[in-house]
Amino acid sequence: MRIVGWLASAIGVAGVMACNALAPLLWVLRANLRDRARDLMAIPDAGLGAALALTDTVTDWLGNASGGINEIKTKADVLAAAPTIDPAGTIALAKINHVAA
């Protein structure tokens, strides 16, 4: 048991010496490490900003698409209600084909 105690004591002393050796090195490098940490934190922030902008763009596009779909549905309902094709129905059908193309 004495050998285990001496070994544990030696490992503890070596650990304290290693930490004391690293402390001044980290003190000298702290400004560089702080700047790199800020740079790393800026990357997710920029990504979130870009994601918010893209989300707004997609929301606008969905709104425009919804308006176009409602217009096509309205014209299709009008055409379905009139079994004969009159000049107004022909114009509406031409507009639907133009939108789809």
PDB file of N, CA and C in Angstrom:
ATOM      1  N   MET A   1       0.807  -1.183   0.000  1.00  0.00           N
ATOM      2  CA  MET A   1       0.000   0.000   0.000  1.00  0.00           C
ATOM      3  C   MET A   1       0.857   1.257   0.000  1.00  0.00           C
ATOM      4  N   ARG A   2       2.013   1.167   0.585  1.00  0.00           N
ATOM      5  CA  ARG A   2       2.878   2.337   0.596  1.00  0.00           C
ATOM      6  C   ARG A   2       3.273   2.755  -0.804  1.00  0.00           C
ATOM      7  N   ILE A   3       3.492   1.797  -1.660  1.00  0.00           N
ATOM      8  CA  ILE A   3       3.907   2.113  -3.028  1.00  0.00           C
ATOM      9  C   ILE A   3       2.777   2.850  -3.743  1.00  0.00           C
ATOM     10  N   VAL A   4       1.549   2.436  -3.549  1.00  0.00           N
ATOM     11  CA  VAL A   4       0.399   3.093  -4.173  1.00  0.00           C
ATOM     12  C   VAL A   4       0.270   4.525  -3.651  1.00  0.00           C
ATOM     13  N   GLY A   5       0.501   4.727  -2.372  1.00  0.00           N
ATOM     14  CA  GLY A   5       0.440   6.064  -1.792  1.00  0.00           C
ATOM     15  C   GLY A   5       1.514   6.973  -2.359  1.00  0.00           C
ATOM     16  N   TRP A   6       2.742   6.456  -2.450  1.00  0.00           N
ATOM     17  CA  TRP A   6       3.827   7.262  -3.020  1.00  0.00           C
ATOM     18  C   TRP A   6       3.559   7.558  -4.498  1.00  0.00           C
ATOM     19  N   LEU A   7       3.048   6.592  -5.205  1.00  0.00           N
ATOM     20  CA  LEU A   7       2.738   6.785  -6.630  1.00  0.00           C
ATOM     21  C   LEU A   7       1.641   7.832  -6.805  1.00  0.00           C
ATOM     22  N   ALA A   8       0.629   7.775  -5.998  1.00  0.00           N
ATOM     23  CA  ALA A   8      -0.450   8.760  -6.076  1.00  0.00           C
ATOM     24  C   ALA A   8       0.071  10.144  -5.720  1.00  0.00           C
ATOM     25  N   SER A   9       0.932  10.218  -4.739  1.00  0.00           N
ATOM     26  CA  SER A   9       1.513  11.506  -4.353  1.00  0.00           C
ATOM     27  C   SER A   9       2.370  12.068  -5.479  1.00  0.00           C
ATOM     28  N   ALA A  10       3.166  11.213  -6.124  1.00  0.00           N
ATOM     29  CA  ALA A  10       4.015  11.654  -7.237  1.00  0.00           C
ATOM     30  C   ALA A  10       3.169  12.136  -8.410  1.00  0.00           C
ATOM     31  N   ILE A  11       2.096  11.435  -8.698  1.00  0.00           N
ATOM     32  CA  ILE A  11       1.219  11.851  -9.796  1.00  0.00           C
ATOM     33  C   ILE A  11       0.555  13.183  -9.464  1.00  0.00           C
ATOM     34  N   GLY A  12       0.164  13.365  -8.215  1.00  0.00           N
ATOM     35  CA  GLY A  12      -0.437  14.630  -7.795  1.00  0.00           C
ATOM     36  C   GLY A  12       0.537  15.783  -7.911  1.00  0.00           C
ATOM     37  N   VAL A  13       1.776  15.581  -7.479  1.00  0.00           N
ATOM     38  CA  VAL A  13       2.793  16.634  -7.587  1.00  0.00           C
ATOM     39  C   VAL A  13       3.074  16.944  -9.054  1.00  0.00           C
ATOM     40  N   ALA A  14       3.146  15.916  -9.895  1.00  0.00           N
ATOM     41  CA  ALA A  14       3.382  16.137 -11.332  1.00  0.00           C
ATOM     42  C   ALA A  14       2.222  16.912 -11.945  1.00  0.00           C
ATOM     43  N   GLY A  15       1.007  16.623 -11.523  1.00  0.00           N
ATOM     44  CA  GLY A  15      -0.150  17.354 -12.038  1.00  0.00           C
ATOM     45  C   GLY A  15      -0.130  18.810 -11.641  1.00  0.00           C
ATOM     46  N   VAL A  16       0.237  19.091 -10.390  1.00  0.00           N
ATOM     47  CA  VAL A  16       0.326  20.479  -9.935  1.00  0.00           C
ATOM     48  C   VAL A  16       1.407  21.221 -10.707  1.00  0.00           C
ATOM     49  N   MET A  17       2.548  20.574 -10.938  1.00  0.00           N
ATOM     50  CA  MET A  17       3.640  21.205 -11.693  1.00  0.00           C
ATOM     51  C   MET A  17       3.208  21.471 -13.143  1.00  0.00           C
ATOM     52  N   ALA A  18       2.480  20.526 -13.734  1.00  0.00           N
ATOM     53  CA  ALA A  18       2.017  20.720 -15.107  1.00  0.00           C
ATOM     54  C   ALA A  18       1.034  21.885 -15.186  1.00  0.00           C
ATOM     55  N   CYS A  19       0.138  21.985 -14.232  1.00  0.00           N
ATOM     56  CA  CYS A  19      -0.816  23.105 -14.223  1.00  0.00           C
ATOM     57  C   CYS A  19      -0.099  24.432 -14.006  1.00  0.00           C
ATOM     58  N   ASN A  20       0.892  24.444 -13.126  1.00  0.00           N
ATOM     59  CA  ASN A  20       1.668  25.662 -12.904  1.00  0.00           C
ATOM     60  C   ASN A  20       2.479  26.045 -14.133  1.00  0.00           C
ATOM     61  N   ALA A  21       2.872  25.073 -14.932  1.00  0.00           N
ATOM     62  CA  ALA A  21       3.603  25.379 -16.161  1.00  0.00           C
ATOM     63  C   ALA A  21       2.656  25.908 -17.235  1.00  0.00           C
ATOM     64  N   LEU A  22       1.435  25.418 -17.264  1.00  0.00           N
ATOM     65  CA  LEU A  22       0.477  25.845 -18.287  1.00  0.00           C
ATOM     66  C   LEU A  22      -0.163  27.190 -17.978  1.00  0.00           C
ATOM     67  N   ALA A  23      -0.255  27.540 -16.716  1.00  0.00           N
ATOM     68  CA  ALA A  23      -0.925  28.783 -16.332  1.00  0.00           C
ATOM     69  C   ALA A  23      -0.274  30.019 -16.972  1.00  0.00           C
ATOM     70  N   PRO A  24       1.059  30.189 -16.899  1.00  0.00           N
ATOM     71  CA  PRO A  24       1.651  31.374 -17.557  1.00  0.00           C
ATOM     72  C   PRO A  24       1.468  31.358 -19.069  1.00  0.00           C
ATOM     73  N   LEU A  25       1.527  30.160 -19.661  1.00  0.00           N
ATOM     74  CA  LEU A  25       1.331  30.065 -21.112  1.00  0.00           C
ATOM     75  C   LEU A  25      -0.083  30.518 -21.489  1.00  0.00           C
ATOM     76  N   LEU A  26      -1.066  30.083 -20.743  1.00  0.00           N
ATOM     77  CA  LEU A  26      -2.440  30.508 -21.014  1.00  0.00           C
ATOM     78  C   LEU A  26      -2.622  32.001 -20.748  1.00  0.00           C
ATOM     79  N   TRP A  27      -1.913  32.529 -19.772  1.00  0.00           N
ATOM     80  CA  TRP A  27      -1.989  33.955 -19.473  1.00  0.00           C
ATOM     81  C   TRP A  27      -1.471  34.771 -20.644  1.00  0.00           C
ATOM     82  N   VAL A  28      -0.384  34.312 -21.263  1.00  0.00           N
ATOM     83  CA  VAL A  28       0.196  35.015 -22.412  1.00  0.00           C
ATOM     84  C   VAL A  28      -0.722  34.888 -23.628  1.00  0.00           C
ATOM     85  N   LEU A  29      -1.325  33.741 -23.811  1.00  0.00           N
ATOM     86  CA  LEU A  29      -2.145  33.484 -25.000  1.00  0.00           C
ATOM     87  C   LEU A  29      -3.614  33.855 -24.825  1.00  0.00           C
ATOM     88  N   ARG A  30      -4.010  34.384 -23.674  1.00  0.00           N
ATOM     89  CA  ARG A  30      -5.430  34.597 -23.400  1.00  0.00           C
ATOM     90  C   ARG A  30      -6.098  35.552 -24.383  1.00  0.00           C
ATOM     91  N   ALA A  31      -5.392  36.604 -24.825  1.00  0.00           N
ATOM     92  CA  ALA A  31      -6.001  37.547 -25.766  1.00  0.00           C
ATOM     93  C   ALA A  31      -6.284  36.850 -27.096  1.00  0.00           C
ATOM     94  N   ASN A  32      -5.334  36.059 -27.560  1.00  0.00           N
ATOM     95  CA  ASN A  32      -5.517  35.335 -28.815  1.00  0.00           C
ATOM     96  C   ASN A  32      -6.653  34.317 -28.685  1.00  0.00           C
ATOM     97  N   LEU A  33      -6.692  33.613 -27.566  1.00  0.00           N
ATOM     98  CA  LEU A  33      -7.760  32.633 -27.351  1.00  0.00           C
ATOM     99  C   LEU A  33      -9.124  33.307 -27.254  1.00  0.00           C
ATOM    100  N   ARG A  34      -9.166  34.474 -26.604  1.00  0.00           N
ATOM    101  CA  ARG A  34     -10.426  35.203 -26.472  1.00  0.00           C
ATOM    102  C   ARG A  34     -10.929  35.653 -27.844  1.00  0.00           C
ATOM    103  N   ASP A  35     -10.017  36.160 -28.691  1.00  0.00           N
ATOM    104  CA  ASP A  35     -10.418  36.596 -30.037  1.00  0.00           C
ATOM    105  C   ASP A  35     -10.921  35.428 -30.868  1.00  0.00           C
ATOM    106  N   ARG A  36     -10.238  34.300 -30.766  1.00  0.00           N
ATOM    107  CA  ARG A  36     -10.688  33.121 -31.523  1.00  0.00           C
ATOM    108  C   ARG A  36     -12.047  32.621 -31.025  1.00  0.00           C
ATOM    109  N   ALA A  37     -12.256  32.684 -29.726  1.00  0.00           N
ATOM    110  CA  ALA A  37     -13.553  32.269 -29.180  1.00  0.00           C
ATOM    111  C   ALA A  37     -14.661  33.201 -29.674  1.00  0.00           C
ATOM    112  N   ARG A  38     -14.377  34.512 -29.734  1.00  0.00           N
ATOM    113  CA  ARG A  38     -15.378  35.453 -30.257  1.00  0.00           C
ATOM    114  C   ARG A  38     -15.660  35.181 -31.726  1.00  0.00           C
ATOM    115  N   ASP A  39     -14.607  34.867 -32.496  1.00  0.00           N
ATOM    116  CA  ASP A  39     -14.809  34.543 -33.911  1.00  0.00           C
ATOM    117  C   ASP A  39     -15.678  33.303 -34.061  1.00  0.00           C
ATOM    118  N   LEU A  40     -15.425  32.300 -33.216  1.00  0.00           N
ATOM    119  CA  LEU A  40     -16.231  31.083 -33.290  1.00  0.00           C
ATOM    120  C   LEU A  40     -17.683  31.346 -32.907  1.00  0.00           C
ATOM    121  N   MET A  41     -17.908  32.250 -31.975  1.00  0.00           N
ATOM    122  CA  MET A  41     -19.276  32.564 -31.575  1.00  0.00           C
ATOM    123  C   MET A  41     -19.981  33.433 -32.620  1.00  0.00           C
ATOM    124  N   ALA A  42     -19.221  34.163 -33.429  1.00  0.00           N
ATOM    125  CA  ALA A  42     -19.833  35.010 -34.455  1.00  0.00           C
ATOM    126  C   ALA A  42     -20.381  34.178 -35.606  1.00  0.00           C
ATOM    127  N   ILE A  43     -19.817  33.013 -35.846  1.00  0.00           N
ATOM    128  CA  ILE A  43     -20.263  32.168 -36.963  1.00  0.00           C
ATOM    129  C   ILE A  43     -21.725  31.737 -36.780  1.00  0.00           C
ATOM    130  N   PRO A  44     -22.124  31.197 -35.627  1.00  0.00           N
ATOM    131  CA  PRO A  44     -23.544  30.849 -35.475  1.00  0.00           C
ATOM    132  C   PRO A  44     -24.467  32.062 -35.538  1.00  0.00           C
ATOM    133  N   ASP A  45     -24.010  33.200 -35.014  1.00  0.00           N
ATOM    134  CA  ASP A  45     -24.841  34.407 -35.074  1.00  0.00           C
ATOM    135  C   ASP A  45     -25.089  34.827 -36.516  1.00  0.00           C
ATOM    136  N   ALA A  46     -24.046  34.764 -37.353  1.00  0.00           N
ATOM    137  CA  ALA A  46     -24.212  35.105 -38.764  1.00  0.00           C
ATOM    138  C   ALA A  46     -25.135  34.101 -39.454  1.00  0.00           C
ATOM    139  N   GLY A  47     -24.997  32.839 -39.088  1.00  0.00           N
ATOM    140  CA  GLY A  47     -25.873  31.817 -39.662  1.00  0.00           C
ATOM    141  C   GLY A  47     -27.329  32.034 -39.290  1.00  0.00           C
ATOM    142  N   LEU A  48     -27.572  32.423 -38.045  1.00  0.00           N
ATOM    143  CA  LEU A  48     -28.945  32.697 -37.625  1.00  0.00           C
ATOM    144  C   LEU A  48     -29.521  33.905 -38.352  1.00  0.00           C
ATOM    145  N   GLY A  49     -28.695  34.923 -38.569  1.00  0.00           N
ATOM    146  CA  GLY A  49     -29.160  36.101 -39.324  1.00  0.00           C
ATOM    147  C   GLY A  49     -29.531  35.733 -40.748  1.00  0.00           C
ATOM    148  N   ALA A  50     -28.682  34.916 -41.397  1.00  0.00           N
ATOM    149  CA  ALA A  50     -28.982  34.480 -42.763  1.00  0.00           C
ATOM    150  C   ALA A  50     -30.237  33.613 -42.789  1.00  0.00           C
ATOM    151  N   ALA A  51     -30.409  32.759 -41.787  1.00  0.00           N
ATOM    152  CA  ALA A  51     -31.596  31.900 -41.740  1.00  0.00           C
ATOM    153  C   ALA A  51     -32.864  32.725 -41.569  1.00  0.00           C
ATOM    154  N   LEU A  52     -32.800  33.763 -40.752  1.00  0.00           N
ATOM    155  CA  LEU A  52     -33.976  34.628 -40.580  1.00  0.00           C
ATOM    156  C   LEU A  52     -34.328  35.344 -41.879  1.00  0.00           C
ATOM    157  N   ALA A  53     -33.303  35.828 -42.605  1.00  0.00           N
ATOM    158  CA  ALA A  53     -33.561  36.497 -43.880  1.00  0.00           C
ATOM    159  C   ALA A  53     -34.180  35.524 -44.883  1.00  0.00           C
ATOM    160  N   LEU A  54     -33.663  34.302 -44.932  1.00  0.00           N
ATOM    161  CA  LEU A  54     -34.226  33.303 -45.852  1.00  0.00           C
ATOM    162  C   LEU A  54     -35.649  32.916 -45.455  1.00  0.00           C
ATOM    163  N   THR A  55     -35.912  32.844 -44.173  1.00  0.00           N
ATOM    164  CA  THR A  55     -37.263  32.532 -43.714  1.00  0.00           C
ATOM    165  C   THR A  55     -38.247  33.616 -44.138  1.00  0.00           C
ATOM    166  N   ASP A  56     -37.826  34.867 -44.030  1.00  0.00           N
ATOM    167  CA  ASP A  56     -38.694  35.967 -44.474  1.00  0.00           C
ATOM    168  C   ASP A  56     -38.946  35.886 -45.971  1.00  0.00           C
ATOM    169  N   THR A  57     -37.905  35.559 -46.743  1.00  0.00           N
ATOM    170  CA  THR A  57     -38.059  35.436 -48.197  1.00  0.00           C
ATOM    171  C   THR A  57     -39.027  34.309 -48.544  1.00  0.00           C
ATOM    172  N   VAL A  58     -38.881  33.172 -47.889  1.00  0.00           N
ATOM    173  CA  VAL A  58     -39.773  32.038 -48.151  1.00  0.00           C
ATOM    174  C   VAL A  58     -41.206  32.378 -47.765  1.00  0.00           C
ATOM    175  N   THR A  59     -41.381  33.090 -46.675  1.00  0.00           N
ATOM    176  CA  THR A  59     -42.725  33.500 -46.263  1.00  0.00           C
ATOM    177  C   THR A  59     -43.365  34.389 -47.319  1.00  0.00           C
ATOM    178  N   ASP A  60     -42.590  35.325 -47.868  1.00  0.00           N
ATOM    179  CA  ASP A  60     -43.115  36.176 -48.940  1.00  0.00           C
ATOM    180  C   ASP A  60     -43.480  35.351 -50.166  1.00  0.00           C
ATOM    181  N   TRP A  61     -42.612  34.419 -50.536  1.00  0.00           N
ATOM    182  CA  TRP A  61     -42.888  33.584 -51.710  1.00  0.00           C
ATOM    183  C   TRP A  61     -44.134  32.732 -51.495  1.00  0.00           C
ATOM    184  N   LEU A  62     -44.305  32.196 -50.295  1.00  0.00           N
ATOM    185  CA  LEU A  62     -45.501  31.401 -50.015  1.00  0.00           C
ATOM    186  C   LEU A  62     -46.764  32.254 -50.088  1.00  0.00           C
ATOM    187  N   GLY A  63     -46.657  33.489 -49.627  1.00  0.00           N
ATOM    188  CA  GLY A  63     -47.801  34.394 -49.734  1.00  0.00           C
ATOM    189  C   GLY A  63     -48.159  34.668 -51.184  1.00  0.00           C
ATOM    190  N   ASN A  64     -47.139  34.904 -52.015  1.00  0.00           N
ATOM    191  CA  ASN A  64     -47.386  35.139 -53.441  1.00  0.00           C
ATOM    192  C   ASN A  64     -47.964  33.896 -54.106  1.00  0.00           C
ATOM    193  N   ALA A  65     -47.414  32.730 -53.769  1.00  0.00           N
ATOM    194  CA  ALA A  65     -47.915  31.486 -54.363  1.00  0.00           C
ATOM    195  C   ALA A  65     -49.357  31.229 -53.937  1.00  0.00           C
ATOM    196  N   SER A  66     -49.661  31.508 -52.679  1.00  0.00           N
ATOM    197  CA  SER A  66     -51.026  31.299 -52.194  1.00  0.00           C
ATOM    198  C   SER A  66     -52.011  32.190 -52.942  1.00  0.00           C
ATOM    199  N   GLY A  67     -51.619  33.442 -53.190  1.00  0.00           N
ATOM    200  CA  GLY A  67     -52.490  34.338 -53.959  1.00  0.00           C
ATOM    201  C   GLY A  67     -52.707  33.832 -55.371  1.00  0.00           C
ATOM    202  N   GLY A  68     -51.634  33.336 -56.012  1.00  0.00           N
ATOM    203  CA  GLY A  68     -51.763  32.788 -57.365  1.00  0.00           C
ATOM    204  C   GLY A  68     -52.617  31.542 -57.405  1.00  0.00           C
ATOM    205  N   ILE A  69     -52.473  30.687 -56.408  1.00  0.00           N
ATOM    206  CA  ILE A  69     -53.278  29.462 -56.348  1.00  0.00           C
ATOM    207  C   ILE A  69     -54.744  29.805 -56.134  1.00  0.00           C
ATOM    208  N   ASN A  70     -55.025  30.772 -55.284  1.00  0.00           N
ATOM    209  CA  ASN A  70     -56.425  31.173 -55.065  1.00  0.00           C
ATOM    210  C   ASN A  70     -57.029  31.765 -56.333  1.00  0.00           C
ATOM    211  N   GLU A  71     -56.241  32.530 -57.077  1.00  0.00           N
ATOM    212  CA  GLU A  71     -56.743  33.100 -58.335  1.00  0.00           C
ATOM    213  C   GLU A  71     -57.055  31.997 -59.344  1.00  0.00           C
ATOM    214  N   ILE A  72     -56.170  31.017 -59.457  1.00  0.00           N
ATOM    215  CA  ILE A  72     -56.404  29.908 -60.388  1.00  0.00           C
ATOM    216  C   ILE A  72     -57.634  29.113 -59.953  1.00  0.00           C
ATOM    217  N   LYS A  73     -57.781  28.893 -58.645  1.00  0.00           N
ATOM    218  CA  LYS A  73     -58.948  28.157 -58.157  1.00  0.00           C
ATOM    219  C   LYS A  73     -60.228  28.913 -58.467  1.00  0.00           C
ATOM    220  N   THR A  74     -60.224  30.221 -58.275  1.00  0.00           N
ATOM    221  CA  THR A  74     -61.412  31.020 -58.561  1.00  0.00           C
ATOM    222  C   THR A  74     -61.786  30.914 -60.035  1.00  0.00           C
ATOM    223  N   LYS A  75     -60.787  31.026 -60.908  1.00  0.00           N
ATOM    224  CA  LYS A  75     -61.062  30.924 -62.351  1.00  0.00           C
ATOM    225  C   LYS A  75     -61.525  29.527 -62.727  1.00  0.00           C
ATOM    226  N   ALA A  76     -60.958  28.507 -62.104  1.00  0.00           N
ATOM    227  CA  ALA A  76     -61.382  27.130 -62.387  1.00  0.00           C
ATOM    228  C   ALA A  76     -62.801  26.893 -61.901  1.00  0.00           C
ATOM    229  N   ASP A  77     -63.159  27.475 -60.747  1.00  0.00           N
ATOM    230  CA  ASP A  77     -64.528  27.338 -60.256  1.00  0.00           C
ATOM    231  C   ASP A  77     -65.517  28.012 -61.199  1.00  0.00           C
ATOM    232  N   VAL A  78     -65.129  29.170 -61.722  1.00  0.00           N
ATOM    233  CA  VAL A  78     -66.001  29.860 -62.678  1.00  0.00           C
ATOM    234  C   VAL A  78     -66.174  29.012 -63.931  1.00  0.00           C
ATOM    235  N   LEU A  79     -65.093  28.434 -64.417  1.00  0.00           N
ATOM    236  CA  LEU A  79     -65.180  27.594 -65.620  1.00  0.00           C
ATOM    237  C   LEU A  79     -65.974  26.322 -65.343  1.00  0.00           C
ATOM    238  N   ALA A  80     -65.839  25.757 -64.142  1.00  0.00           N
ATOM    239  CA  ALA A  80     -66.587  24.538 -63.810  1.00  0.00           C
ATOM    240  C   ALA A  80     -68.077  24.824 -63.677  1.00  0.00           C
ATOM    241  N   ALA A  81     -68.426  26.030 -63.234  1.00  0.00           N
ATOM    242  CA  ALA A  81     -69.836  26.378 -63.064  1.00  0.00           C
ATOM    243  C   ALA A  81     -70.516  26.599 -64.412  1.00  0.00           C
ATOM    244  N   ALA A  82     -69.774  27.004 -65.422  1.00  0.00           N
ATOM    245  CA  ALA A  82     -70.345  27.246 -66.752  1.00  0.00           C
ATOM    246  C   ALA A  82     -69.939  26.104 -67.670  1.00  0.00           C
ATOM    247  N   PRO A  83     -70.872  25.182 -67.984  1.00  0.00           N
ATOM    248  CA  PRO A  83     -70.497  24.031 -68.810  1.00  0.00           C
ATOM    249  C   PRO A  83     -70.164  24.411 -70.257  1.00  0.00           C
ATOM    250  N   THR A  84     -70.667  25.533 -70.727  1.00  0.00           N
ATOM    251  CA  THR A  84     -70.330  25.954 -72.088  1.00  0.00           C
ATOM    252  C   THR A  84     -69.221  26.984 -72.012  1.00  0.00           C
ATOM    253  N   ILE A  85     -68.385  26.983 -73.015  1.00  0.00           N
ATOM    254  CA  ILE A  85     -67.270  27.925 -73.022  1.00  0.00           C
ATOM    255  C   ILE A  85     -67.732  29.179 -73.754  1.00  0.00           C
ATOM    256  N   ASP A  86     -67.821  30.248 -73.018  1.00  0.00           N
ATOM    257  CA  ASP A  86     -68.180  31.536 -73.596  1.00  0.00           C
ATOM    258  C   ASP A  86     -66.889  32.346 -73.795  1.00  0.00           C
ATOM    259  N   PRO A  87     -66.977  33.512 -74.404  1.00  0.00           N
ATOM    260  CA  PRO A  87     -65.751  34.303 -74.620  1.00  0.00           C
ATOM    261  C   PRO A  87     -65.019  34.642 -73.315  1.00  0.00           C
ATOM    262  N   ALA A  88     -65.756  34.933 -72.248  1.00  0.00           N
ATOM    263  CA  ALA A  88     -65.092  35.247 -70.974  1.00  0.00           C
ATOM    264  C   ALA A  88     -64.370  34.010 -70.434  1.00  0.00           C
ATOM    265  N   GLY A  89     -65.001  32.843 -70.606  1.00  0.00           N
ATOM    266  CA  GLY A  89     -64.361  31.598 -70.160  1.00  0.00           C
ATOM    267  C   GLY A  89     -63.128  31.285 -70.980  1.00  0.00           C
ATOM    268  N   THR A  90     -63.181  31.564 -72.258  1.00  0.00           N
ATOM    269  CA  THR A  90     -62.024  31.339 -73.122  1.00  0.00           C
ATOM    270  C   THR A  90     -60.862  32.231 -72.695  1.00  0.00           C
ATOM    271  N   ILE A  91     -61.147  33.485 -72.383  1.00  0.00           N
ATOM    272  CA  ILE A  91     -60.099  34.408 -71.933  1.00  0.00           C
ATOM    273  C   ILE A  91     -59.521  33.941 -70.592  1.00  0.00           C
ATOM    274  N   ALA A  92     -60.406  33.508 -69.687  1.00  0.00           N
ATOM    275  CA  ALA A  92     -59.927  33.026 -68.377  1.00  0.00           C
ATOM    276  C   ALA A  92     -59.069  31.786 -68.537  1.00  0.00           C
ATOM    277  N   LEU A  93     -59.489  30.878 -69.441  1.00  0.00           N
ATOM    278  CA  LEU A  93     -58.723  29.664 -69.699  1.00  0.00           C
ATOM    279  C   LEU A  93     -57.365  30.015 -70.294  1.00  0.00           C
ATOM    280  N   ALA A  94     -57.342  30.980 -71.187  1.00  0.00           N
ATOM    281  CA  ALA A  94     -56.067  31.399 -71.792  1.00  0.00           C
ATOM    282  C   ALA A  94     -55.146  31.994 -70.733  1.00  0.00           C
ATOM    283  N   LYS A  95     -55.715  32.756 -69.798  1.00  0.00           N
ATOM    284  CA  LYS A  95     -54.899  33.327 -68.744  1.00  0.00           C
ATOM    285  C   LYS A  95     -54.329  32.252 -67.812  1.00  0.00           C
ATOM    286  N   ILE A  96     -55.156  31.225 -67.521  1.00  0.00           N
ATOM    287  CA  ILE A  96     -54.668  30.139 -66.679  1.00  0.00           C
ATOM    288  C   ILE A  96     -53.529  29.414 -67.372  1.00  0.00           C
ATOM    289  N   ASN A  97     -53.679  29.141 -68.649  1.00  0.00           N
ATOM    290  CA  ASN A  97     -52.610  28.468 -69.389  1.00  0.00           C
ATOM    291  C   ASN A  97     -51.366  29.332 -69.443  1.00  0.00           C
ATOM    292  N   HIS A  98     -51.547  30.637 -69.530  1.00  0.00           N
ATOM    293  CA  HIS A  98     -50.392  31.537 -69.581  1.00  0.00           C
ATOM    294  C   HIS A  98     -49.661  31.550 -68.239  1.00  0.00           C
ATOM    295  N   VAL A  99     -50.430  31.508 -67.144  1.00  0.00           N
ATOM    296  CA  VAL A  99     -49.818  31.494 -65.802  1.00  0.00           C
ATOM    297  C   VAL A  99     -49.086  30.191 -65.579  1.00  0.00           C
ATOM    298  N   ALA A 100     -49.665  29.081 -66.025  1.00  0.00           N
ATOM    299  CA  ALA A 100     -49.064  27.773 -65.804  1.00  0.00           C
ATOM    300  C   ALA A 100     -47.798  27.585 -66.648  1.00  0.00           C
ATOM    301  N   ALA A 101     -47.714  28.220 -67.794  1.00  0.00           N
ATOM    302  CA  ALA A 101     -46.578  28.014 -68.682  1.00  0.00           C
ATOM    303  C   ALA A 101     -45.400  28.802 -68.262  1.00  0.00           C
TER     304      ALA A 101
END
